[in-house]
Amino acid sequence: MGIFSRMTDIINSNINAMLDQAEDPEKMIRLIIQEMEDTLVEVRSSSARVLADRKTAARRLEQVQAEADSWEDKARLAISKEREDLARAALQEKRSIEEEIAVVEEELKATDEHIAQLNGEVAQLQQKLSDAKAKQKAILMRSKTVESRIKVKRQMHREALDSAFQRFEHFERRIDTLESQLDAMDLGRDVAPDLAAEISSLQEDARITDELERLKSEMGGKDSH
């Protein structure tokens, strides 16, 4: 089912209001333009038929007008020949044809009014179609702008996250370095000395003891004198 039910619906339509109420404005404007274009084709097709009918009626009017003129000429001829009876009959035929002329003229008048109405409707429809296409361009541009802004925001968000992760990794590496330095400072404190070092310590202690005893002995000897 179409959006519009008749030509006047399109002419009286408020495109902005229809788009404001639509869930998908981009899809709605495409449907509106499609139906307007289809309607324009139908109206132009109807106009072509009406124009063809007018040409036929105009030709018919020329024919019956020529017949009426012919019967008048015959009436004139009959009068010139003093045949009033024939002249009267000829005028009677002319009168009958003039009645047909009036009918054809009325038909032409109605056809011209119809054509004028169609011309006005086509002009209004074309204007509506132009407005709809302009609106479609605006919607597409707005849609592209929004998509671009979303893309930029996503990129900025991604970059912000990457930056945050980089800072976190940097701080994590600094903490690892500090902890490693602390661990290095504690190396050897809780580890038992090896055998060689322990023996060396004993030997050093023995030498110091011997030296101490020697000094005591020498000092003792001096005191005895």
C-alpha atoms as a PDB file:
ATOM      1  CA  MET A   1       0.000   0.000   0.000  1.00  0.00           C
ATOM      2  CA  GLY A   2       1.305   3.441  -0.928  1.00  0.00           C
ATOM      3  CA  ILE A   3       1.978   6.300   1.418  1.00  0.00           C
ATOM      4  CA  PHE A   4      -0.464   8.551  -0.459  1.00  0.00           C
ATOM      5  CA  SER A   5      -3.972   7.570  -1.538  1.00  0.00           C
ATOM      6  CA  ARG A   6      -4.511  10.317  -4.114  1.00  0.00           C
ATOM      7  CA  MET A   7      -2.854  13.244  -5.840  1.00  0.00           C
ATOM      8  CA  THR A   8      -4.120  15.787  -3.320  1.00  0.00           C
ATOM      9  CA  ASP A   9      -2.447  13.790  -0.525  1.00  0.00           C
ATOM     10  CA  ILE A  10       0.916  14.420  -2.144  1.00  0.00           C
ATOM     11  CA  ILE A  11       0.233  18.098  -2.828  1.00  0.00           C
ATOM     12  CA  ASN A  12      -1.018  18.702   0.713  1.00  0.00           C
ATOM     13  CA  SER A  13       1.599  16.497   2.367  1.00  0.00           C
ATOM     14  CA  ASN A  14       3.939  17.784   5.033  1.00  0.00           C
ATOM     15  CA  ILE A  15       7.142  15.908   4.313  1.00  0.00           C
ATOM     16  CA  ASN A  16       8.927  17.204   7.408  1.00  0.00           C
ATOM     17  CA  ALA A  17       6.130  15.997   9.698  1.00  0.00           C
ATOM     18  CA  MET A  18       6.112  12.581   8.018  1.00  0.00           C
ATOM     19  CA  LEU A  19       9.862  12.224   8.449  1.00  0.00           C
ATOM     20  CA  ASP A  20       9.718  13.368  12.086  1.00  0.00           C
ATOM     21  CA  GLN A  21       7.244  10.565  12.817  1.00  0.00           C
ATOM     22  CA  ALA A  22       9.158   7.916  10.874  1.00  0.00           C
ATOM     23  CA  GLU A  23      11.332   5.356  12.645  1.00  0.00           C
ATOM     24  CA  ASP A  24      13.683   5.301   9.647  1.00  0.00           C
ATOM     25  CA  PRO A  25      13.634   8.750   7.939  1.00  0.00           C
ATOM     26  CA  GLU A  26      16.083   7.670   5.240  1.00  0.00           C
ATOM     27  CA  LYS A  27      13.875   4.754   4.195  1.00  0.00           C
ATOM     28  CA  MET A  28      10.718   6.885   4.436  1.00  0.00           C
ATOM     29  CA  ILE A  29      12.081   9.616   2.154  1.00  0.00           C
ATOM     30  CA  ARG A  30      13.040   6.975  -0.434  1.00  0.00           C
ATOM     31  CA  LEU A  31       9.482   5.617  -0.381  1.00  0.00           C
ATOM     32  CA  ILE A  32       8.018   9.111  -0.658  1.00  0.00           C
ATOM     33  CA  ILE A  33      10.204   9.974  -3.656  1.00  0.00           C
ATOM     34  CA  GLN A  34       9.441   6.647  -5.346  1.00  0.00           C
ATOM     35  CA  GLU A  35       5.691   7.141  -4.990  1.00  0.00           C
ATOM     36  CA  MET A  36       5.901  10.740  -6.173  1.00  0.00           C
ATOM     37  CA  GLU A  37       7.848   9.668  -9.260  1.00  0.00           C
ATOM     38  CA  ASP A  38       5.344   6.882  -9.980  1.00  0.00           C
ATOM     39  CA  THR A  39       2.450   9.322  -9.557  1.00  0.00           C
ATOM     40  CA  LEU A  40       4.152  11.836 -11.839  1.00  0.00           C
ATOM     41  CA  VAL A  41       4.425   9.176 -14.545  1.00  0.00           C
ATOM     42  CA  GLU A  42       0.711   8.358 -14.159  1.00  0.00           C
ATOM     43  CA  VAL A  43      -0.335  12.008 -14.272  1.00  0.00           C
ATOM     44  CA  ARG A  44       1.755  12.671 -17.367  1.00  0.00           C
ATOM     45  CA  SER A  45       0.292   9.582 -19.000  1.00  0.00           C
ATOM     46  CA  SER A  46      -3.221  10.860 -18.202  1.00  0.00           C
ATOM     47  CA  SER A  47      -2.258  14.288 -19.547  1.00  0.00           C
ATOM     48  CA  ALA A  48      -1.082  12.718 -22.797  1.00  0.00           C
ATOM     49  CA  ARG A  49      -4.453  10.971 -23.214  1.00  0.00           C
ATOM     50  CA  VAL A  50      -6.370  14.162 -22.471  1.00  0.00           C
ATOM     51  CA  LEU A  51      -4.249  16.108 -24.971  1.00  0.00           C
ATOM     52  CA  ALA A  52      -4.926  13.428 -27.594  1.00  0.00           C
ATOM     53  CA  ASP A  53      -8.668  13.652 -26.881  1.00  0.00           C
ATOM     54  CA  ARG A  54      -8.519  17.425 -27.274  1.00  0.00           C
ATOM     55  CA  LYS A  55      -6.857  17.155 -30.653  1.00  0.00           C
ATOM     56  CA  THR A  56      -9.568  14.745 -31.771  1.00  0.00           C
ATOM     57  CA  ALA A  57     -12.301  17.095 -30.520  1.00  0.00           C
ATOM     58  CA  ALA A  58     -10.640  20.083 -32.201  1.00  0.00           C
ATOM     59  CA  ARG A  59     -10.532  18.244 -35.528  1.00  0.00           C
ATOM     60  CA  ARG A  60     -14.204  17.271 -35.115  1.00  0.00           C
ATOM     61  CA  LEU A  61     -15.083  20.916 -34.416  1.00  0.00           C
ATOM     62  CA  GLU A  62     -13.348  22.006 -37.619  1.00  0.00           C
ATOM     63  CA  GLN A  63     -15.269  19.355 -39.571  1.00  0.00           C
ATOM     64  CA  VAL A  64     -18.738  20.212 -38.235  1.00  0.00           C
ATOM     65  CA  GLN A  65     -17.999  23.940 -38.585  1.00  0.00           C
ATOM     66  CA  ALA A  66     -17.096  23.331 -42.228  1.00  0.00           C
ATOM     67  CA  GLU A  67     -20.345  21.346 -42.702  1.00  0.00           C
ATOM     68  CA  ALA A  68     -22.350  24.175 -41.154  1.00  0.00           C
ATOM     69  CA  ASP A  69     -20.690  26.679 -43.482  1.00  0.00           C
ATOM     70  CA  SER A  70     -21.386  24.370 -46.427  1.00  0.00           C
ATOM     71  CA  TRP A  71     -25.137  24.185 -45.629  1.00  0.00           C
ATOM     72  CA  GLU A  72     -25.260  27.960 -45.339  1.00  0.00           C
ATOM     73  CA  ASP A  73     -23.670  28.261 -48.793  1.00  0.00           C
ATOM     74  CA  LYS A  74     -26.288  25.845 -50.129  1.00  0.00           C
ATOM     75  CA  ALA A  75     -29.056  27.897 -48.563  1.00  0.00           C
ATOM     76  CA  ARG A  76     -27.658  31.008 -50.249  1.00  0.00           C
ATOM     77  CA  LEU A  77     -27.602  29.189 -53.572  1.00  0.00           C
ATOM     78  CA  ALA A  78     -31.194  28.025 -53.164  1.00  0.00           C
ATOM     79  CA  ILE A  79     -32.336  31.558 -52.384  1.00  0.00           C
ATOM     80  CA  SER A  80     -30.534  32.866 -55.453  1.00  0.00           C
ATOM     81  CA  LYS A  81     -32.468  30.316 -57.483  1.00  0.00           C
ATOM     82  CA  GLU A  82     -35.681  31.318 -55.765  1.00  0.00           C
ATOM     83  CA  ARG A  83     -35.980  27.937 -54.097  1.00  0.00           C
ATOM     84  CA  GLU A  84     -36.926  29.034 -50.632  1.00  0.00           C
ATOM     85  CA  ASP A  85     -38.029  25.526 -49.748  1.00  0.00           C
ATOM     86  CA  LEU A  86     -34.542  24.196 -50.426  1.00  0.00           C
ATOM     87  CA  ALA A  87     -32.990  27.136 -48.618  1.00  0.00           C
ATOM     88  CA  ARG A  88     -35.149  26.407 -45.572  1.00  0.00           C
ATOM     89  CA  ALA A  89     -34.125  22.726 -45.628  1.00  0.00           C
ATOM     90  CA  ALA A  90     -30.458  23.666 -45.915  1.00  0.00           C
ATOM     91  CA  LEU A  91     -30.727  26.028 -42.949  1.00  0.00           C
ATOM     92  CA  GLN A  92     -32.423  23.282 -40.972  1.00  0.00           C
ATOM     93  CA  GLU A  93     -29.430  21.019 -41.607  1.00  0.00           C
ATOM     94  CA  LYS A  94     -27.151  23.843 -40.591  1.00  0.00           C
ATOM     95  CA  ARG A  95     -29.126  24.257 -37.370  1.00  0.00           C
ATOM     96  CA  SER A  96     -28.699  20.573 -36.505  1.00  0.00           C
ATOM     97  CA  ILE A  97     -24.975  20.795 -37.114  1.00  0.00           C
ATOM     98  CA  GLU A  98     -24.704  23.935 -34.962  1.00  0.00           C
ATOM     99  CA  GLU A  99     -26.162  21.950 -32.061  1.00  0.00           C
ATOM    100  CA  GLU A 100     -23.334  19.440 -32.501  1.00  0.00           C
ATOM    101  CA  ILE A 101     -20.861  22.318 -32.691  1.00  0.00           C
ATOM    102  CA  ALA A 102     -22.089  23.547 -29.294  1.00  0.00           C
ATOM    103  CA  VAL A 103     -21.604  20.075 -27.818  1.00  0.00           C
ATOM    104  CA  VAL A 104     -18.054  19.775 -29.218  1.00  0.00           C
ATOM    105  CA  GLU A 105     -17.174  23.297 -28.040  1.00  0.00           C
ATOM    106  CA  GLU A 106     -18.369  22.432 -24.539  1.00  0.00           C
ATOM    107  CA  GLU A 107     -16.291  19.283 -24.669  1.00  0.00           C
ATOM    108  CA  LEU A 108     -13.233  21.286 -25.703  1.00  0.00           C
ATOM    109  CA  LYS A 109     -13.821  23.777 -22.904  1.00  0.00           C
ATOM    110  CA  ALA A 110     -14.011  20.985 -20.323  1.00  0.00           C
ATOM    111  CA  THR A 111     -10.906  19.377 -21.808  1.00  0.00           C
ATOM    112  CA  ASP A 112      -8.974  22.647 -21.627  1.00  0.00           C
ATOM    113  CA  GLU A 113      -9.987  23.063 -17.983  1.00  0.00           C
ATOM    114  CA  HIS A 114      -8.854  19.499 -17.282  1.00  0.00           C
ATOM    115  CA  ILE A 115      -5.529  20.150 -19.001  1.00  0.00           C
ATOM    116  CA  ALA A 116      -5.032  23.338 -16.993  1.00  0.00           C
ATOM    117  CA  GLN A 117      -5.761  21.403 -13.805  1.00  0.00           C
ATOM    118  CA  LEU A 118      -3.306  18.664 -14.785  1.00  0.00           C
ATOM    119  CA  ASN A 119      -0.650  21.252 -15.594  1.00  0.00           C
ATOM    120  CA  GLY A 120      -1.102  22.799 -12.162  1.00  0.00           C
ATOM    121  CA  GLU A 121      -0.971  19.416 -10.452  1.00  0.00           C
ATOM    122  CA  VAL A 122       2.128  18.375 -12.388  1.00  0.00           C
ATOM    123  CA  ALA A 123       3.855  21.644 -11.444  1.00  0.00           C
ATOM    124  CA  GLN A 124       2.929  21.161  -7.777  1.00  0.00           C
ATOM    125  CA  LEU A 125       3.994  17.532  -7.847  1.00  0.00           C
ATOM    126  CA  GLN A 126       7.325  18.410  -9.438  1.00  0.00           C
ATOM    127  CA  GLN A 127       7.888  21.037  -6.744  1.00  0.00           C
ATOM    128  CA  LYS A 128       7.054  18.505  -4.036  1.00  0.00           C
ATOM    129  CA  LEU A 129       9.379  16.007  -5.675  1.00  0.00           C
ATOM    130  CA  SER A 130      12.185  18.574  -5.811  1.00  0.00           C
ATOM    131  CA  ASP A 131      11.624  19.385  -2.126  1.00  0.00           C
ATOM    132  CA  ALA A 132      11.684  15.682  -1.249  1.00  0.00           C
ATOM    133  CA  LYS A 133      14.927  15.111  -3.166  1.00  0.00           C
ATOM    134  CA  ALA A 134      16.508  18.128  -1.475  1.00  0.00           C
ATOM    135  CA  LYS A 135      15.376  16.720   1.867  1.00  0.00           C
ATOM    136  CA  GLN A 136      16.864  13.348   0.928  1.00  0.00           C
ATOM    137  CA  LYS A 137      20.242  14.965   0.201  1.00  0.00           C
ATOM    138  CA  ALA A 138      20.096  16.762   3.551  1.00  0.00           C
ATOM    139  CA  ILE A 139      19.290  13.501   5.348  1.00  0.00           C
ATOM    140  CA  LEU A 140      22.122  11.657   3.585  1.00  0.00           C
ATOM    141  CA  MET A 141      24.592  14.434   4.384  1.00  0.00           C
ATOM    142  CA  ARG A 142      23.460  14.481   8.018  1.00  0.00           C
ATOM    143  CA  SER A 143      23.735  10.701   8.167  1.00  0.00           C
ATOM    144  CA  LYS A 144      27.280  10.786   6.756  1.00  0.00           C
ATOM    145  CA  THR A 145      28.210  13.559   9.190  1.00  0.00           C
ATOM    146  CA  VAL A 146      26.894  11.550  12.138  1.00  0.00           C
ATOM    147  CA  GLU A 147      28.710   8.435  10.945  1.00  0.00           C
ATOM    148  CA  SER A 148      31.939  10.421  10.597  1.00  0.00           C
ATOM    149  CA  ARG A 149      31.547  11.892  14.071  1.00  0.00           C
ATOM    150  CA  ILE A 150      30.890   8.445  15.537  1.00  0.00           C
ATOM    151  CA  LYS A 151      33.966   7.107  13.739  1.00  0.00           C
ATOM    152  CA  VAL A 152      36.087   9.965  15.093  1.00  0.00           C
ATOM    153  CA  LYS A 153      34.753   9.469  18.619  1.00  0.00           C
ATOM    154  CA  ARG A 154      35.432   5.740  18.434  1.00  0.00           C
ATOM    155  CA  GLN A 155      38.963   6.456  17.217  1.00  0.00           C
ATOM    156  CA  MET A 156      39.489   8.981  20.017  1.00  0.00           C
ATOM    157  CA  HIS A 157      38.114   6.505  22.536  1.00  0.00           C
ATOM    158  CA  ARG A 158      40.401   3.804  21.161  1.00  0.00           C
ATOM    159  CA  GLU A 159      43.396   6.130  21.325  1.00  0.00           C
ATOM    160  CA  ALA A 160      42.495   7.130  24.908  1.00  0.00           C
ATOM    161  CA  LEU A 161      42.305   3.473  25.897  1.00  0.00           C
ATOM    162  CA  ASP A 162      45.605   2.722  24.185  1.00  0.00           C
ATOM    163  CA  SER A 163      47.205   5.668  25.971  1.00  0.00           C
ATOM    164  CA  ALA A 164      45.818   4.500  29.318  1.00  0.00           C
ATOM    165  CA  PHE A 165      47.147   0.986  28.733  1.00  0.00           C
ATOM    166  CA  GLN A 166      50.535   2.373  27.767  1.00  0.00           C
ATOM    167  CA  ARG A 167      50.697   4.462  30.943  1.00  0.00           C
ATOM    168  CA  PHE A 168      49.665   1.451  33.002  1.00  0.00           C
ATOM    169  CA  GLU A 169      52.356  -0.701  31.386  1.00  0.00           C
ATOM    170  CA  HIS A 170      54.911   2.068  32.002  1.00  0.00           C
ATOM    171  CA  PHE A 171      54.053   2.260  35.714  1.00  0.00           C
ATOM    172  CA  GLU A 172      54.030  -1.522  35.922  1.00  0.00           C
ATOM    173  CA  ARG A 173      57.559  -1.662  34.471  1.00  0.00           C
ATOM    174  CA  ARG A 174      58.736   0.998  36.945  1.00  0.00           C
ATOM    175  CA  ILE A 175      57.346  -1.011  39.859  1.00  0.00           C
ATOM    176  CA  ASP A 176      59.036  -4.154  38.533  1.00  0.00           C
ATOM    177  CA  THR A 177      62.335  -2.263  38.321  1.00  0.00           C
ATOM    178  CA  LEU A 178      62.076  -0.910  41.874  1.00  0.00           C
ATOM    179  CA  GLU A 179      61.177  -4.334  43.245  1.00  0.00           C
ATOM    180  CA  SER A 180      64.141  -5.826  41.381  1.00  0.00           C
ATOM    181  CA  GLN A 181      66.446  -3.211  42.905  1.00  0.00           C
ATOM    182  CA  LEU A 182      65.168  -4.048  46.406  1.00  0.00           C
ATOM    183  CA  ASP A 183      65.653  -7.732  45.769  1.00  0.00           C
ATOM    184  CA  ALA A 184      69.235  -7.080  44.595  1.00  0.00           C
ATOM    185  CA  MET A 185      69.999  -5.155  47.762  1.00  0.00           C
ATOM    186  CA  ASP A 186      68.905  -8.134  49.886  1.00  0.00           C
ATOM    187  CA  LEU A 187      71.014 -10.631  47.962  1.00  0.00           C
ATOM    188  CA  GLY A 188      73.448 -12.570  50.257  1.00  0.00           C
ATOM    189  CA  ARG A 189      71.920 -11.386  53.511  1.00  0.00           C
ATOM    190  CA  ASP A 190      69.907 -14.477  54.202  1.00  0.00           C
ATOM    191  CA  VAL A 191      72.306 -16.911  52.519  1.00  0.00           C
ATOM    192  CA  ALA A 192      74.768 -18.960  54.701  1.00  0.00           C
ATOM    193  CA  PRO A 193      78.451 -18.364  53.848  1.00  0.00           C
ATOM    194  CA  ASP A 194      80.155 -21.121  51.939  1.00  0.00           C
ATOM    195  CA  LEU A 195      82.787 -23.425  53.504  1.00  0.00           C
ATOM    196  CA  ALA A 196      85.809 -21.625  52.131  1.00  0.00           C
ATOM    197  CA  ALA A 197      84.639 -18.323  53.503  1.00  0.00           C
ATOM    198  CA  GLU A 198      83.900 -19.865  56.894  1.00  0.00           C
ATOM    199  CA  ILE A 199      87.359 -21.470  57.111  1.00  0.00           C
ATOM    200  CA  SER A 200      88.942 -18.241  55.995  1.00  0.00           C
ATOM    201  CA  SER A 201      87.100 -16.486  58.781  1.00  0.00           C
ATOM    202  CA  LEU A 202      88.431 -19.016  61.312  1.00  0.00           C
ATOM    203  CA  GLN A 203      91.979 -18.576  60.048  1.00  0.00           C
ATOM    204  CA  GLU A 204      91.673 -14.829  60.313  1.00  0.00           C
ATOM    205  CA  ASP A 205      90.294 -15.177  63.807  1.00  0.00           C
ATOM    206  CA  ALA A 206      93.235 -17.448  64.765  1.00  0.00           C
ATOM    207  CA  ARG A 207      95.790 -14.948  63.450  1.00  0.00           C
ATOM    208  CA  ILE A 208      94.184 -12.167  65.374  1.00  0.00           C
ATOM    209  CA  THR A 209      94.208 -14.325  68.531  1.00  0.00           C
ATOM    210  CA  ASP A 210      97.898 -15.158  68.075  1.00  0.00           C
ATOM    211  CA  GLU A 211      98.711 -11.526  67.534  1.00  0.00           C
ATOM    212  CA  LEU A 212      96.759 -10.599  70.640  1.00  0.00           C
ATOM    213  CA  GLU A 213      98.601 -13.194  72.744  1.00  0.00           C
ATOM    214  CA  ARG A 214     101.969 -12.005  71.421  1.00  0.00           C
ATOM    215  CA  LEU A 215     101.197  -8.454  72.388  1.00  0.00           C
ATOM    216  CA  LYS A 216     100.092  -9.533  75.864  1.00  0.00           C
ATOM    217  CA  SER A 217     103.287 -11.578  76.298  1.00  0.00           C
ATOM    218  CA  GLU A 218     105.496  -8.714  75.277  1.00  0.00           C
ATOM    219  CA  MET A 219     103.705  -6.355  77.540  1.00  0.00           C
ATOM    220  CA  GLY A 220     103.914  -8.802  80.412  1.00  0.00           C
ATOM    221  CA  GLY A 221     107.656  -9.143  79.983  1.00  0.00           C
ATOM    222  CA  LYS A 222     108.178  -5.413  80.133  1.00  0.00           C
ATOM    223  CA  ASP A 223     106.192  -5.131  83.319  1.00  0.00           C
ATOM    224  CA  SER A 224     108.444  -7.726  85.074  1.00  0.00           C
ATOM    225  CA  HIS A 225     111.494  -5.582  84.594  1.00  0.00           C
END
